[in-house]
Amino acid sequence: MATQINMKHKETGLTKNGFMGFSWTTAFWGFWPALFRGDYMTALVLFIILVSLLAFTAGIGNIIVCVIWAFMYNKHYTSKLIEKGYVFS
């Protein structure tokens, strides 16, 4: 289970939730959590990877990629928030 981290933008005051740990939603739903979080570029890249793997591996590659990406996605998302100017609150 992922740990939720509250983050606040330094200049605008907007708040978002960052996450650390394994992403169960990414493991089960693939690119959809990235899309719902507004991480459109990551969702698009993962979608392209999953569609191309589907054509070559009959779905087995998708399962493997989703599980591997689930270990990395929350840290990636939180790092992107930090790059955009969010700080831990």
PDB file of N, CA and C in Angstrom:
ATOM      1  N   MET A   1       0.845  -1.171   0.000  1.00  0.00           N
ATOM      2  CA  MET A   1       0.000   0.000   0.000  1.00  0.00           C
ATOM      3  C   MET A   1       0.892   1.236   0.000  1.00  0.00           C
ATOM      4  N   ALA A   2       0.509   2.199  -0.771  1.00  0.00           N
ATOM      5  CA  ALA A   2       1.282   3.427  -0.893  1.00  0.00           C
ATOM      6  C   ALA A   2       1.012   4.364   0.280  1.00  0.00           C
ATOM      7  N   THR A   3       2.011   5.160   0.599  1.00  0.00           N
ATOM      8  CA  THR A   3       1.879   6.175   1.635  1.00  0.00           C
ATOM      9  C   THR A   3       1.539   7.501   0.966  1.00  0.00           C
ATOM     10  N   GLN A   4       0.492   8.136   1.422  1.00  0.00           N
ATOM     11  CA  GLN A   4       0.065   9.410   0.856  1.00  0.00           C
ATOM     12  C   GLN A   4       0.857  10.534   1.501  1.00  0.00           C
ATOM     13  N   ILE A   5       1.325  11.468   0.662  1.00  0.00           N
ATOM     14  CA  ILE A   5       2.123  12.601   1.122  1.00  0.00           C
ATOM     15  C   ILE A   5       1.436  13.881   0.646  1.00  0.00           C
ATOM     16  N   ASN A   6       1.084  14.768   1.558  1.00  0.00           N
ATOM     17  CA  ASN A   6       0.474  16.043   1.182  1.00  0.00           C
ATOM     18  C   ASN A   6       1.553  16.994   0.673  1.00  0.00           C
ATOM     19  N   MET A   7       1.278  17.624  -0.458  1.00  0.00           N
ATOM     20  CA  MET A   7       2.238  18.548  -1.056  1.00  0.00           C
ATOM     21  C   MET A   7       1.522  19.832  -1.428  1.00  0.00           C
ATOM     22  N   LYS A   8       2.268  20.946  -1.350  1.00  0.00           N
ATOM     23  CA  LYS A   8       1.696  22.258  -1.629  1.00  0.00           C
ATOM     24  C   LYS A   8       2.634  23.006  -2.561  1.00  0.00           C
ATOM     25  N   HIS A   9       2.061  23.677  -3.558  1.00  0.00           N
ATOM     26  CA  HIS A   9       2.872  24.459  -4.489  1.00  0.00           C
ATOM     27  C   HIS A   9       3.337  25.727  -3.791  1.00  0.00           C
ATOM     28  N   LYS A  10       4.629  26.045  -3.946  1.00  0.00           N
ATOM     29  CA  LYS A  10       5.217  27.191  -3.239  1.00  0.00           C
ATOM     30  C   LYS A  10       4.571  28.514  -3.622  1.00  0.00           C
ATOM     31  N   GLU A  11       4.272  28.693  -4.904  1.00  0.00           N
ATOM     32  CA  GLU A  11       3.801  29.997  -5.370  1.00  0.00           C
ATOM     33  C   GLU A  11       2.281  30.111  -5.411  1.00  0.00           C
ATOM     34  N   THR A  12       1.601  29.071  -5.896  1.00  0.00           N
ATOM     35  CA  THR A  12       0.156  29.172  -6.085  1.00  0.00           C
ATOM     36  C   THR A  12      -0.653  28.719  -4.879  1.00  0.00           C
ATOM     37  N   GLY A  13      -0.062  27.909  -4.014  1.00  0.00           N
ATOM     38  CA  GLY A  13      -0.776  27.415  -2.848  1.00  0.00           C
ATOM     39  C   GLY A  13      -1.653  26.206  -3.133  1.00  0.00           C
ATOM     40  N   LEU A  14      -1.649  25.706  -4.369  1.00  0.00           N
ATOM     41  CA  LEU A  14      -2.423  24.511  -4.696  1.00  0.00           C
ATOM     42  C   LEU A  14      -1.869  23.309  -3.952  1.00  0.00           C
ATOM     43  N   THR A  15      -2.742  22.408  -3.548  1.00  0.00           N
ATOM     44  CA  THR A  15      -2.296  21.205  -2.859  1.00  0.00           C
ATOM     45  C   THR A  15      -2.601  19.978  -3.710  1.00  0.00           C
ATOM     46  N   LYS A  16      -1.704  19.016  -3.658  1.00  0.00           N
ATOM     47  CA  LYS A  16      -1.879  17.725  -4.323  1.00  0.00           C
ATOM     48  C   LYS A  16      -1.340  16.654  -3.407  1.00  0.00           C
ATOM     49  N   ASN A  17      -1.744  15.450  -3.668  1.00  0.00           N
ATOM     50  CA  ASN A  17      -1.235  14.317  -2.912  1.00  0.00           C
ATOM     51  C   ASN A  17      -0.138  13.634  -3.709  1.00  0.00           C
ATOM     52  N   GLY A  18       1.010  13.478  -3.085  1.00  0.00           N
ATOM     53  CA  GLY A  18       2.070  12.665  -3.649  1.00  0.00           C
ATOM     54  C   GLY A  18       1.991  11.289  -3.005  1.00  0.00           C
ATOM     55  N   PHE A  19       2.654  10.316  -3.587  1.00  0.00           N
ATOM     56  CA  PHE A  19       2.597   8.960  -3.065  1.00  0.00           C
ATOM     57  C   PHE A  19       3.974   8.334  -3.108  1.00  0.00           C
ATOM     58  N   MET A  20       4.235   7.439  -2.154  1.00  0.00           N
ATOM     59  CA  MET A  20       5.457   6.649  -2.133  1.00  0.00           C
ATOM     60  C   MET A  20       5.068   5.206  -1.864  1.00  0.00           C
ATOM     61  N   GLY A  21       5.741   4.293  -2.528  1.00  0.00           N
ATOM     62  CA  GLY A  21       5.463   2.881  -2.323  1.00  0.00           C
ATOM     63  C   GLY A  21       4.833   2.251  -3.547  1.00  0.00           C
ATOM     64  N   PHE A  22       4.435   1.010  -3.409  1.00  0.00           N
ATOM     65  CA  PHE A  22       3.867   0.228  -4.504  1.00  0.00           C
ATOM     66  C   PHE A  22       2.498   0.766  -4.886  1.00  0.00           C
ATOM     67  N   SER A  23       2.247   0.917  -6.189  1.00  0.00           N
ATOM     68  CA  SER A  23       0.977   1.432  -6.685  1.00  0.00           C
ATOM     69  C   SER A  23       0.091   0.279  -7.146  1.00  0.00           C
ATOM     70  N   TRP A  24      -0.828  -0.130  -6.282  1.00  0.00           N
ATOM     71  CA  TRP A  24      -1.736  -1.208  -6.650  1.00  0.00           C
ATOM     72  C   TRP A  24      -2.629  -0.812  -7.817  1.00  0.00           C
ATOM     73  N   THR A  25      -3.024   0.448  -7.870  1.00  0.00           N
ATOM     74  CA  THR A  25      -3.891   0.888  -8.963  1.00  0.00           C
ATOM     75  C   THR A  25      -3.173   0.788 -10.303  1.00  0.00           C
ATOM     76  N   THR A  26      -1.892   1.110 -10.338  1.00  0.00           N
ATOM     77  CA  THR A  26      -1.130   0.984 -11.571  1.00  0.00           C
ATOM     78  C   THR A  26      -0.939  -0.483 -11.934  1.00  0.00           C
ATOM     79  N   ALA A  27      -0.745  -1.338 -10.950  1.00  0.00           N
ATOM     80  CA  ALA A  27      -0.569  -2.762 -11.215  1.00  0.00           C
ATOM     81  C   ALA A  27      -1.821  -3.354 -11.868  1.00  0.00           C
ATOM     82  N   PHE A  28      -2.997  -2.921 -11.421  1.00  0.00           N
ATOM     83  CA  PHE A  28      -4.230  -3.483 -11.949  1.00  0.00           C
ATOM     84  C   PHE A  28      -4.795  -2.724 -13.153  1.00  0.00           C
ATOM     85  N   TRP A  29      -4.595  -1.411 -13.207  1.00  0.00           N
ATOM     86  CA  TRP A  29      -5.264  -0.611 -14.227  1.00  0.00           C
ATOM     87  C   TRP A  29      -4.318   0.028 -15.232  1.00  0.00           C
ATOM     88  N   GLY A  30      -3.025  -0.210 -15.139  1.00  0.00           N
ATOM     89  CA  GLY A  30      -2.084   0.263 -16.151  1.00  0.00           C
ATOM     90  C   GLY A  30      -1.926   1.770 -16.180  1.00  0.00           C
ATOM     91  N   PHE A  31      -2.255   2.378 -17.313  1.00  0.00           N
ATOM     92  CA  PHE A  31      -2.035   3.814 -17.508  1.00  0.00           C
ATOM     93  C   PHE A  31      -3.142   4.686 -16.923  1.00  0.00           C
ATOM     94  N   TRP A  32      -4.276   4.119 -16.513  1.00  0.00           N
ATOM     95  CA  TRP A  32      -5.415   4.912 -16.041  1.00  0.00           C
ATOM     96  C   TRP A  32      -5.117   5.765 -14.807  1.00  0.00           C
ATOM     97  N   PRO A  33      -4.406   5.282 -13.794  1.00  0.00           N
ATOM     98  CA  PRO A  33      -4.105   6.153 -12.647  1.00  0.00           C
ATOM     99  C   PRO A  33      -3.312   7.399 -13.046  1.00  0.00           C
ATOM    100  N   ALA A  34      -2.358   7.254 -13.957  1.00  0.00           N
ATOM    101  CA  ALA A  34      -1.593   8.415 -14.422  1.00  0.00           C
ATOM    102  C   ALA A  34      -2.517   9.412 -15.126  1.00  0.00           C
ATOM    103  N   LEU A  35      -3.437   8.906 -15.909  1.00  0.00           N
ATOM    104  CA  LEU A  35      -4.381   9.779 -16.609  1.00  0.00           C
ATOM    105  C   LEU A  35      -5.280  10.525 -15.624  1.00  0.00           C
ATOM    106  N   PHE A  36      -5.784   9.832 -14.613  1.00  0.00           N
ATOM    107  CA  PHE A  36      -6.657  10.466 -13.629  1.00  0.00           C
ATOM    108  C   PHE A  36      -5.922  11.466 -12.744  1.00  0.00           C
ATOM    109  N   ARG A  37      -4.616  11.280 -12.544  1.00  0.00           N
ATOM    110  CA  ARG A  37      -3.826  12.220 -11.747  1.00  0.00           C
ATOM    111  C   ARG A  37      -3.378  13.432 -12.564  1.00  0.00           C
ATOM    112  N   GLY A  38      -3.650  13.441 -13.845  1.00  0.00           N
ATOM    113  CA  GLY A  38      -3.251  14.558 -14.697  1.00  0.00           C
ATOM    114  C   GLY A  38      -1.833  14.422 -15.214  1.00  0.00           C
ATOM    115  N   ASP A  39      -1.258  13.264 -15.109  1.00  0.00           N
ATOM    116  CA  ASP A  39       0.095  12.985 -15.599  1.00  0.00           C
ATOM    117  C   ASP A  39      -0.030  12.445 -17.019  1.00  0.00           C
ATOM    118  N   TYR A  40      -0.416  13.331 -17.937  1.00  0.00           N
ATOM    119  CA  TYR A  40      -0.806  12.928 -19.283  1.00  0.00           C
ATOM    120  C   TYR A  40       0.335  12.342 -20.104  1.00  0.00           C
ATOM    121  N   MET A  41       1.526  12.880 -20.004  1.00  0.00           N
ATOM    122  CA  MET A  41       2.640  12.367 -20.801  1.00  0.00           C
ATOM    123  C   MET A  41       3.005  10.952 -20.366  1.00  0.00           C
ATOM    124  N   THR A  42       3.052  10.701 -19.085  1.00  0.00           N
ATOM    125  CA  THR A  42       3.350   9.362 -18.595  1.00  0.00           C
ATOM    126  C   THR A  42       2.258   8.388 -19.019  1.00  0.00           C
ATOM    127  N   ALA A  43       1.001   8.809 -18.947  1.00  0.00           N
ATOM    128  CA  ALA A  43      -0.109   7.950 -19.365  1.00  0.00           C
ATOM    129  C   ALA A  43      -0.001   7.619 -20.847  1.00  0.00           C
ATOM    130  N   LEU A  44       0.332   8.602 -21.666  1.00  0.00           N
ATOM    131  CA  LEU A  44       0.450   8.377 -23.106  1.00  0.00           C
ATOM    132  C   LEU A  44       1.589   7.423 -23.430  1.00  0.00           C
ATOM    133  N   VAL A  45       2.736   7.629 -22.814  1.00  0.00           N
ATOM    134  CA  VAL A  45       3.890   6.752 -23.068  1.00  0.00           C
ATOM    135  C   VAL A  45       3.578   5.322 -22.628  1.00  0.00           C
ATOM    136  N   LEU A  46       2.990   5.164 -21.447  1.00  0.00           N
ATOM    137  CA  LEU A  46       2.655   3.828 -20.972  1.00  0.00           C
ATOM    138  C   LEU A  46       1.599   3.181 -21.863  1.00  0.00           C
ATOM    139  N   PHE A  47       0.635   3.946 -22.334  1.00  0.00           N
ATOM    140  CA  PHE A  47      -0.387   3.425 -23.240  1.00  0.00           C
ATOM    141  C   PHE A  47       0.245   2.901 -24.526  1.00  0.00           C
ATOM    142  N   ILE A  48       1.158   3.665 -25.090  1.00  0.00           N
ATOM    143  CA  ILE A  48       1.834   3.236 -26.322  1.00  0.00           C
ATOM    144  C   ILE A  48       2.635   1.960 -26.086  1.00  0.00           C
ATOM    145  N   ILE A  49       3.338   1.902 -24.962  1.00  0.00           N
ATOM    146  CA  ILE A  49       4.110   0.698 -24.638  1.00  0.00           C
ATOM    147  C   ILE A  49       3.188  -0.508 -24.480  1.00  0.00           C
ATOM    148  N   LEU A  50       2.089  -0.332 -23.760  1.00  0.00           N
ATOM    149  CA  LEU A  50       1.184  -1.450 -23.522  1.00  0.00           C
ATOM    150  C   LEU A  50       0.502  -1.925 -24.803  1.00  0.00           C
ATOM    151  N   VAL A  51       0.109  -0.998 -25.661  1.00  0.00           N
ATOM    152  CA  VAL A  51      -0.529  -1.393 -26.923  1.00  0.00           C
ATOM    153  C   VAL A  51       0.454  -2.134 -27.826  1.00  0.00           C
ATOM    154  N   SER A  52       1.681  -1.646 -27.896  1.00  0.00           N
ATOM    155  CA  SER A  52       2.661  -2.330 -28.740  1.00  0.00           C
ATOM    156  C   SER A  52       3.025  -3.701 -28.159  1.00  0.00           C
ATOM    157  N   LEU A  53       3.110  -3.830 -26.842  1.00  0.00           N
ATOM    158  CA  LEU A  53       3.369  -5.138 -26.236  1.00  0.00           C
ATOM    159  C   LEU A  53       2.209  -6.097 -26.442  1.00  0.00           C
ATOM    160  N   LEU A  54       1.003  -5.576 -26.427  1.00  0.00           N
ATOM    161  CA  LEU A  54      -0.170  -6.406 -26.626  1.00  0.00           C
ATOM    162  C   LEU A  54      -0.119  -7.094 -27.986  1.00  0.00           C
ATOM    163  N   ALA A  55       0.373  -6.378 -28.975  1.00  0.00           N
ATOM    164  CA  ALA A  55       0.449  -6.938 -30.325  1.00  0.00           C
ATOM    165  C   ALA A  55       1.481  -8.055 -30.429  1.00  0.00           C
ATOM    166  N   PHE A  56       2.537  -7.997 -29.625  1.00  0.00           N
ATOM    167  CA  PHE A  56       3.625  -8.964 -29.764  1.00  0.00           C
ATOM    168  C   PHE A  56       3.625 -10.080 -28.721  1.00  0.00           C
ATOM    169  N   THR A  57       2.998  -9.865 -27.567  1.00  0.00           N
ATOM    170  CA  THR A  57       3.102 -10.849 -26.490  1.00  0.00           C
ATOM    171  C   THR A  57       1.748 -11.391 -26.036  1.00  0.00           C
ATOM    172  N   ALA A  58       0.693 -11.065 -26.715  1.00  0.00           N
ATOM    173  CA  ALA A  58      -0.659 -11.554 -26.389  1.00  0.00           C
ATOM    174  C   ALA A  58      -1.064 -11.246 -24.949  1.00  0.00           C
ATOM    175  N   GLY A  59      -0.621 -10.129 -24.413  1.00  0.00           N
ATOM    176  CA  GLY A  59      -1.049  -9.683 -23.089  1.00  0.00           C
ATOM    177  C   GLY A  59      -0.119 -10.036 -21.954  1.00  0.00           C
ATOM    178  N   ILE A  60       0.756 -11.020 -22.129  1.00  0.00           N
ATOM    179  CA  ILE A  60       1.680 -11.417 -21.058  1.00  0.00           C
ATOM    180  C   ILE A  60       2.650 -10.276 -20.751  1.00  0.00           C
ATOM    181  N   GLY A  61       3.143  -9.608 -21.782  1.00  0.00           N
ATOM    182  CA  GLY A  61       4.067  -8.490 -21.585  1.00  0.00           C
ATOM    183  C   GLY A  61       3.421  -7.342 -20.839  1.00  0.00           C
ATOM    184  N   ASN A  62       2.128  -7.131 -21.065  1.00  0.00           N
ATOM    185  CA  ASN A  62       1.417  -6.056 -20.373  1.00  0.00           C
ATOM    186  C   ASN A  62       1.390  -6.290 -18.869  1.00  0.00           C
ATOM    187  N   ILE A  63       1.147  -7.526 -18.476  1.00  0.00           N
ATOM    188  CA  ILE A  63       1.113  -7.851 -17.047  1.00  0.00           C
ATOM    189  C   ILE A  63       2.471  -7.594 -16.424  1.00  0.00           C
ATOM    190  N   ILE A  64       3.514  -8.022 -17.092  1.00  0.00           N
ATOM    191  CA  ILE A  64       4.869  -7.849 -16.571  1.00  0.00           C
ATOM    192  C   ILE A  64       5.217  -6.371 -16.451  1.00  0.00           C
ATOM    193  N   VAL A  65       4.926  -5.594 -17.496  1.00  0.00           N
ATOM    194  CA  VAL A  65       5.237  -4.157 -17.476  1.00  0.00           C
ATOM    195  C   VAL A  65       4.432  -3.443 -16.399  1.00  0.00           C
ATOM    196  N   CYS A  66       3.165  -3.770 -16.244  1.00  0.00           N
ATOM    197  CA  CYS A  66       2.338  -3.107 -15.229  1.00  0.00           C
ATOM    198  C   CYS A  66       2.845  -3.383 -13.822  1.00  0.00           C
ATOM    199  N   VAL A  67       3.269  -4.603 -13.563  1.00  0.00           N
ATOM    200  CA  VAL A  67       3.778  -4.925 -12.221  1.00  0.00           C
ATOM    201  C   VAL A  67       5.106  -4.208 -11.968  1.00  0.00           C
ATOM    202  N   ILE A  68       5.989  -4.205 -12.954  1.00  0.00           N
ATOM    203  CA  ILE A  68       7.275  -3.503 -12.793  1.00  0.00           C
ATOM    204  C   ILE A  68       7.040  -2.008 -12.626  1.00  0.00           C
ATOM    205  N   TRP A  69       6.185  -1.428 -13.452  1.00  0.00           N
ATOM    206  CA  TRP A  69       5.916   0.012 -13.383  1.00  0.00           C
ATOM    207  C   TRP A  69       5.230   0.384 -12.077  1.00  0.00           C
ATOM    208  N   ALA A  70       4.448  -0.532 -11.502  1.00  0.00           N
ATOM    209  CA  ALA A  70       3.766  -0.262 -10.228  1.00  0.00           C
ATOM    210  C   ALA A  70       4.756  -0.018  -9.100  1.00  0.00           C
ATOM    211  N   PHE A  71       5.935  -0.628  -9.167  1.00  0.00           N
ATOM    212  CA  PHE A  71       6.963  -0.392  -8.155  1.00  0.00           C
ATOM    213  C   PHE A  71       7.589   0.997  -8.301  1.00  0.00           C
ATOM    214  N   MET A  72       7.542   1.581  -9.493  1.00  0.00           N
ATOM    215  CA  MET A  72       8.247   2.833  -9.760  1.00  0.00           C
ATOM    216  C   MET A  72       7.338   4.048  -9.907  1.00  0.00           C
ATOM    217  N   TYR A  73       6.059   3.859 -10.225  1.00  0.00           N
ATOM    218  CA  TYR A  73       5.231   4.989 -10.636  1.00  0.00           C
ATOM    219  C   TYR A  73       5.006   6.028  -9.541  1.00  0.00           C
ATOM    220  N   ASN A  74       4.703   5.639  -8.327  1.00  0.00           N
ATOM    221  CA  ASN A  74       4.422   6.628  -7.280  1.00  0.00           C
ATOM    222  C   ASN A  74       5.619   7.534  -7.020  1.00  0.00           C
ATOM    223  N   LYS A  75       6.804   6.968  -6.993  1.00  0.00           N
ATOM    224  CA  LYS A  75       8.005   7.791  -6.805  1.00  0.00           C
ATOM    225  C   LYS A  75       8.197   8.727  -7.995  1.00  0.00           C
ATOM    226  N   HIS A  76       7.953   8.223  -9.200  1.00  0.00           N
ATOM    227  CA  HIS A  76       8.062   9.042 -10.406  1.00  0.00           C
ATOM    228  C   HIS A  76       7.081  10.223 -10.349  1.00  0.00           C
ATOM    229  N   TYR A  77       5.843   9.945  -9.977  1.00  0.00           N
ATOM    230  CA  TYR A  77       4.815  10.991  -9.912  1.00  0.00           C
ATOM    231  C   TYR A  77       5.173  12.056  -8.873  1.00  0.00           C
ATOM    232  N   THR A  78       5.613  11.627  -7.693  1.00  0.00           N
ATOM    233  CA  THR A  78       5.983  12.570  -6.639  1.00  0.00           C
ATOM    234  C   THR A  78       7.197  13.399  -7.050  1.00  0.00           C
ATOM    235  N   SER A  79       8.152  12.790  -7.719  1.00  0.00           N
ATOM    236  CA  SER A  79       9.325  13.531  -8.216  1.00  0.00           C
ATOM    237  C   SER A  79       8.920  14.589  -9.230  1.00  0.00           C
ATOM    238  N   LYS A  80       7.963  14.253 -10.088  1.00  0.00           N
ATOM    239  CA  LYS A  80       7.467  15.234 -11.060  1.00  0.00           C
ATOM    240  C   LYS A  80       6.787  16.413 -10.357  1.00  0.00           C
ATOM    241  N   LEU A  81       6.062  16.143  -9.292  1.00  0.00           N
ATOM    242  CA  LEU A  81       5.435  17.230  -8.533  1.00  0.00           C
ATOM    243  C   LEU A  81       6.508  18.143  -7.929  1.00  0.00           C
ATOM    244  N   ILE A  82       7.576  17.567  -7.407  1.00  0.00           N
ATOM    245  CA  ILE A  82       8.664  18.364  -6.838  1.00  0.00           C
ATOM    246  C   ILE A  82       9.309  19.223  -7.915  1.00  0.00           C
ATOM    247  N   GLU A  83       9.501  18.677  -9.105  1.00  0.00           N
ATOM    248  CA  GLU A  83      10.077  19.450 -10.216  1.00  0.00           C
ATOM    249  C   GLU A  83       9.177  20.621 -10.620  1.00  0.00           C
ATOM    250  N   LYS A  84       7.860  20.457 -10.445  1.00  0.00           N
ATOM    251  CA  LYS A  84       6.913  21.519 -10.800  1.00  0.00           C
ATOM    252  C   LYS A  84       6.796  22.585  -9.721  1.00  0.00           C
ATOM    253  N   GLY A  85       7.482  22.398  -8.575  1.00  0.00           N
ATOM    254  CA  GLY A  85       7.479  23.417  -7.540  1.00  0.00           C
ATOM    255  C   GLY A  85       6.699  23.067  -6.285  1.00  0.00           C
ATOM    256  N   TYR A  86       6.235  21.837  -6.168  1.00  0.00           N
ATOM    257  CA  TYR A  86       5.529  21.414  -4.966  1.00  0.00           C
ATOM    258  C   TYR A  86       6.535  21.055  -3.884  1.00  0.00           C
ATOM    259  N   VAL A  87       6.165  21.337  -2.653  1.00  0.00           N
ATOM    260  CA  VAL A  87       6.995  20.974  -1.501  1.00  0.00           C
ATOM    261  C   VAL A  87       6.134  20.181  -0.533  1.00  0.00           C
ATOM    262  N   PHE A  88       6.790  19.427   0.350  1.00  0.00           N
ATOM    263  CA  PHE A  88       6.075  18.648   1.345  1.00  0.00           C
ATOM    264  C   PHE A  88       5.453  19.585   2.378  1.00  0.00           C
ATOM    265  N   SER A  89       4.203  19.340   2.707  1.00  0.00           N
ATOM    266  CA  SER A  89       3.563  20.214   3.711  1.00  0.00           C
ATOM    267  C   SER A  89       3.260  19.454   4.970  1.00  0.00           C
TER     268      SER A  89
END
